[in-house]
């Protein structure tokens, strides 16, 4: 079985959709960002961050597999660095 990271499932933070700032052009600069909240609604995982160069972000991801969603939400914890979180194995 191949080891997967959070990045393999939801991608690099520079390419996450930022629903908080729809006028933002280009990729968000997520240096220094920490996760402030994570929640699940149906097949979606929502991740909110702060402290990034680009400011606060709010991104959602569709993850149809319930087991994979559960593993992601155990890793994506508030106060964790975004870059540390996406490197975590799931």
C-alpha atoms as a PDB file:
ATOM      1  CA  UNK A   1       0.000   0.000   0.000  1.00  0.00           C
ATOM      2  CA  UNK A   2       1.348   3.415  -0.962  1.00  0.00           C
ATOM      3  CA  UNK A   3       1.600   6.056   1.727  1.00  0.00           C
ATOM      4  CA  UNK A   4      -0.546   9.129   1.080  1.00  0.00           C
ATOM      5  CA  UNK A   5      -0.148  12.584   2.493  1.00  0.00           C
ATOM      6  CA  UNK A   6      -2.770  15.256   3.002  1.00  0.00           C
ATOM      7  CA  UNK A   7      -1.174  17.093   0.031  1.00  0.00           C
ATOM      8  CA  UNK A   8      -1.942  14.072  -2.194  1.00  0.00           C
ATOM      9  CA  UNK A   9      -5.649  14.470  -1.435  1.00  0.00           C
ATOM     10  CA  UNK A  10      -6.283  18.238  -1.228  1.00  0.00           C
ATOM     11  CA  UNK A  11      -3.239  19.616  -3.027  1.00  0.00           C
ATOM     12  CA  UNK A  12      -0.793  22.397  -2.245  1.00  0.00           C
ATOM     13  CA  UNK A  13      -2.169  25.369  -0.289  1.00  0.00           C
ATOM     14  CA  UNK A  14      -1.091  27.809  -3.003  1.00  0.00           C
ATOM     15  CA  UNK A  15      -3.800  26.286  -5.184  1.00  0.00           C
ATOM     16  CA  UNK A  16      -6.573  26.030  -2.605  1.00  0.00           C
ATOM     17  CA  UNK A  17      -9.649  28.062  -3.489  1.00  0.00           C
ATOM     18  CA  UNK A  18      -9.975  31.021  -1.124  1.00  0.00           C
ATOM     19  CA  UNK A  19     -13.698  31.581  -0.704  1.00  0.00           C
ATOM     20  CA  UNK A  20     -13.080  34.385   1.794  1.00  0.00           C
ATOM     21  CA  UNK A  21     -11.443  36.684  -0.753  1.00  0.00           C
ATOM     22  CA  UNK A  22     -12.953  35.970  -4.139  1.00  0.00           C
ATOM     23  CA  UNK A  23     -11.348  39.111  -5.600  1.00  0.00           C
ATOM     24  CA  UNK A  24      -7.868  37.736  -4.834  1.00  0.00           C
ATOM     25  CA  UNK A  25      -5.973  37.232  -8.061  1.00  0.00           C
ATOM     26  CA  UNK A  26      -3.370  34.531  -8.461  1.00  0.00           C
ATOM     27  CA  UNK A  27      -2.297  31.942  -5.927  1.00  0.00           C
ATOM     28  CA  UNK A  28      -2.593  32.741  -2.216  1.00  0.00           C
ATOM     29  CA  UNK A  29       0.714  33.134  -0.371  1.00  0.00           C
ATOM     30  CA  UNK A  30       0.270  30.714   2.531  1.00  0.00           C
ATOM     31  CA  UNK A  31       3.643  31.279   4.215  1.00  0.00           C
ATOM     32  CA  UNK A  32       3.079  31.433   7.969  1.00  0.00           C
ATOM     33  CA  UNK A  33      -0.496  30.169   7.808  1.00  0.00           C
ATOM     34  CA  UNK A  34      -1.984  28.077  10.589  1.00  0.00           C
ATOM     35  CA  UNK A  35      -5.260  26.206  10.597  1.00  0.00           C
ATOM     36  CA  UNK A  36      -7.926  27.900  12.707  1.00  0.00           C
ATOM     37  CA  UNK A  37     -10.916  25.649  12.025  1.00  0.00           C
ATOM     38  CA  UNK A  38     -11.844  22.463  10.182  1.00  0.00           C
ATOM     39  CA  UNK A  39     -15.301  21.019   9.762  1.00  0.00           C
ATOM     40  CA  UNK A  40     -17.173  18.544   7.602  1.00  0.00           C
ATOM     41  CA  UNK A  41     -20.487  19.082   5.885  1.00  0.00           C
ATOM     42  CA  UNK A  42     -21.621  16.100   3.873  1.00  0.00           C
ATOM     43  CA  UNK A  43     -18.819  15.176   1.479  1.00  0.00           C
ATOM     44  CA  UNK A  44     -17.011  18.490   1.963  1.00  0.00           C
ATOM     45  CA  UNK A  45     -14.176  19.410   4.281  1.00  0.00           C
ATOM     46  CA  UNK A  46     -13.781  23.108   5.053  1.00  0.00           C
ATOM     47  CA  UNK A  47     -10.446  24.510   6.221  1.00  0.00           C
ATOM     48  CA  UNK A  48     -10.028  28.021   7.583  1.00  0.00           C
ATOM     49  CA  UNK A  49      -6.571  29.550   8.077  1.00  0.00           C
ATOM     50  CA  UNK A  50      -5.011  32.746   9.390  1.00  0.00           C
ATOM     51  CA  UNK A  51      -1.586  34.256   9.555  1.00  0.00           C
ATOM     52  CA  UNK A  52      -0.747  33.762   5.915  1.00  0.00           C
ATOM     53  CA  UNK A  53       0.862  36.549   3.941  1.00  0.00           C
ATOM     54  CA  UNK A  54      -2.421  36.708   1.975  1.00  0.00           C
ATOM     55  CA  UNK A  55      -4.547  36.975   5.144  1.00  0.00           C
ATOM     56  CA  UNK A  56      -7.359  34.717   6.251  1.00  0.00           C
ATOM     57  CA  UNK A  57      -8.511  31.951   3.945  1.00  0.00           C
ATOM     58  CA  UNK A  58     -11.484  29.624   3.776  1.00  0.00           C
ATOM     59  CA  UNK A  59     -11.301  26.635   1.443  1.00  0.00           C
ATOM     60  CA  UNK A  60     -13.565  23.666   0.808  1.00  0.00           C
ATOM     61  CA  UNK A  61     -12.732  20.292  -0.690  1.00  0.00           C
ATOM     62  CA  UNK A  62     -14.991  17.459  -1.815  1.00  0.00           C
ATOM     63  CA  UNK A  63     -13.785  14.135  -0.423  1.00  0.00           C
ATOM     64  CA  UNK A  64     -16.331  11.452  -1.242  1.00  0.00           C
ATOM     65  CA  UNK A  65     -14.655   8.633   0.707  1.00  0.00           C
ATOM     66  CA  UNK A  66     -15.902   8.820   4.309  1.00  0.00           C
ATOM     67  CA  UNK A  67     -12.878   6.985   5.769  1.00  0.00           C
ATOM     68  CA  UNK A  68     -10.496   9.334   3.967  1.00  0.00           C
ATOM     69  CA  UNK A  69     -12.501  12.373   5.191  1.00  0.00           C
ATOM     70  CA  UNK A  70     -12.217  11.096   8.758  1.00  0.00           C
ATOM     71  CA  UNK A  71      -8.454  10.606   8.449  1.00  0.00           C
ATOM     72  CA  UNK A  72      -8.073  14.111   7.021  1.00  0.00           C
ATOM     73  CA  UNK A  73     -10.031  15.744   9.818  1.00  0.00           C
ATOM     74  CA  UNK A  74      -7.888  13.953  12.419  1.00  0.00           C
ATOM     75  CA  UNK A  75      -4.762  15.491  10.831  1.00  0.00           C
ATOM     76  CA  UNK A  76      -6.074  18.975   9.947  1.00  0.00           C
ATOM     77  CA  UNK A  77      -6.171  20.410  13.471  1.00  0.00           C
ATOM     78  CA  UNK A  78      -6.464  24.010  14.657  1.00  0.00           C
ATOM     79  CA  UNK A  79      -3.142  25.721  15.524  1.00  0.00           C
ATOM     80  CA  UNK A  80      -1.210  23.389  13.193  1.00  0.00           C
ATOM     81  CA  UNK A  81       0.941  24.930  10.477  1.00  0.00           C
ATOM     82  CA  UNK A  82      -0.660  24.480   7.063  1.00  0.00           C
ATOM     83  CA  UNK A  83       2.599  23.154   5.624  1.00  0.00           C
ATOM     84  CA  UNK A  84       3.066  20.719   8.496  1.00  0.00           C
ATOM     85  CA  UNK A  85      -0.502  19.498   8.031  1.00  0.00           C
ATOM     86  CA  UNK A  86      -0.242  18.831   4.300  1.00  0.00           C
ATOM     87  CA  UNK A  87       2.970  16.844   4.778  1.00  0.00           C
ATOM     88  CA  UNK A  88       1.308  14.497   7.292  1.00  0.00           C
ATOM     89  CA  UNK A  89       0.680  10.910   6.285  1.00  0.00           C
ATOM     90  CA  UNK A  90      -2.907   9.713   6.295  1.00  0.00           C
END
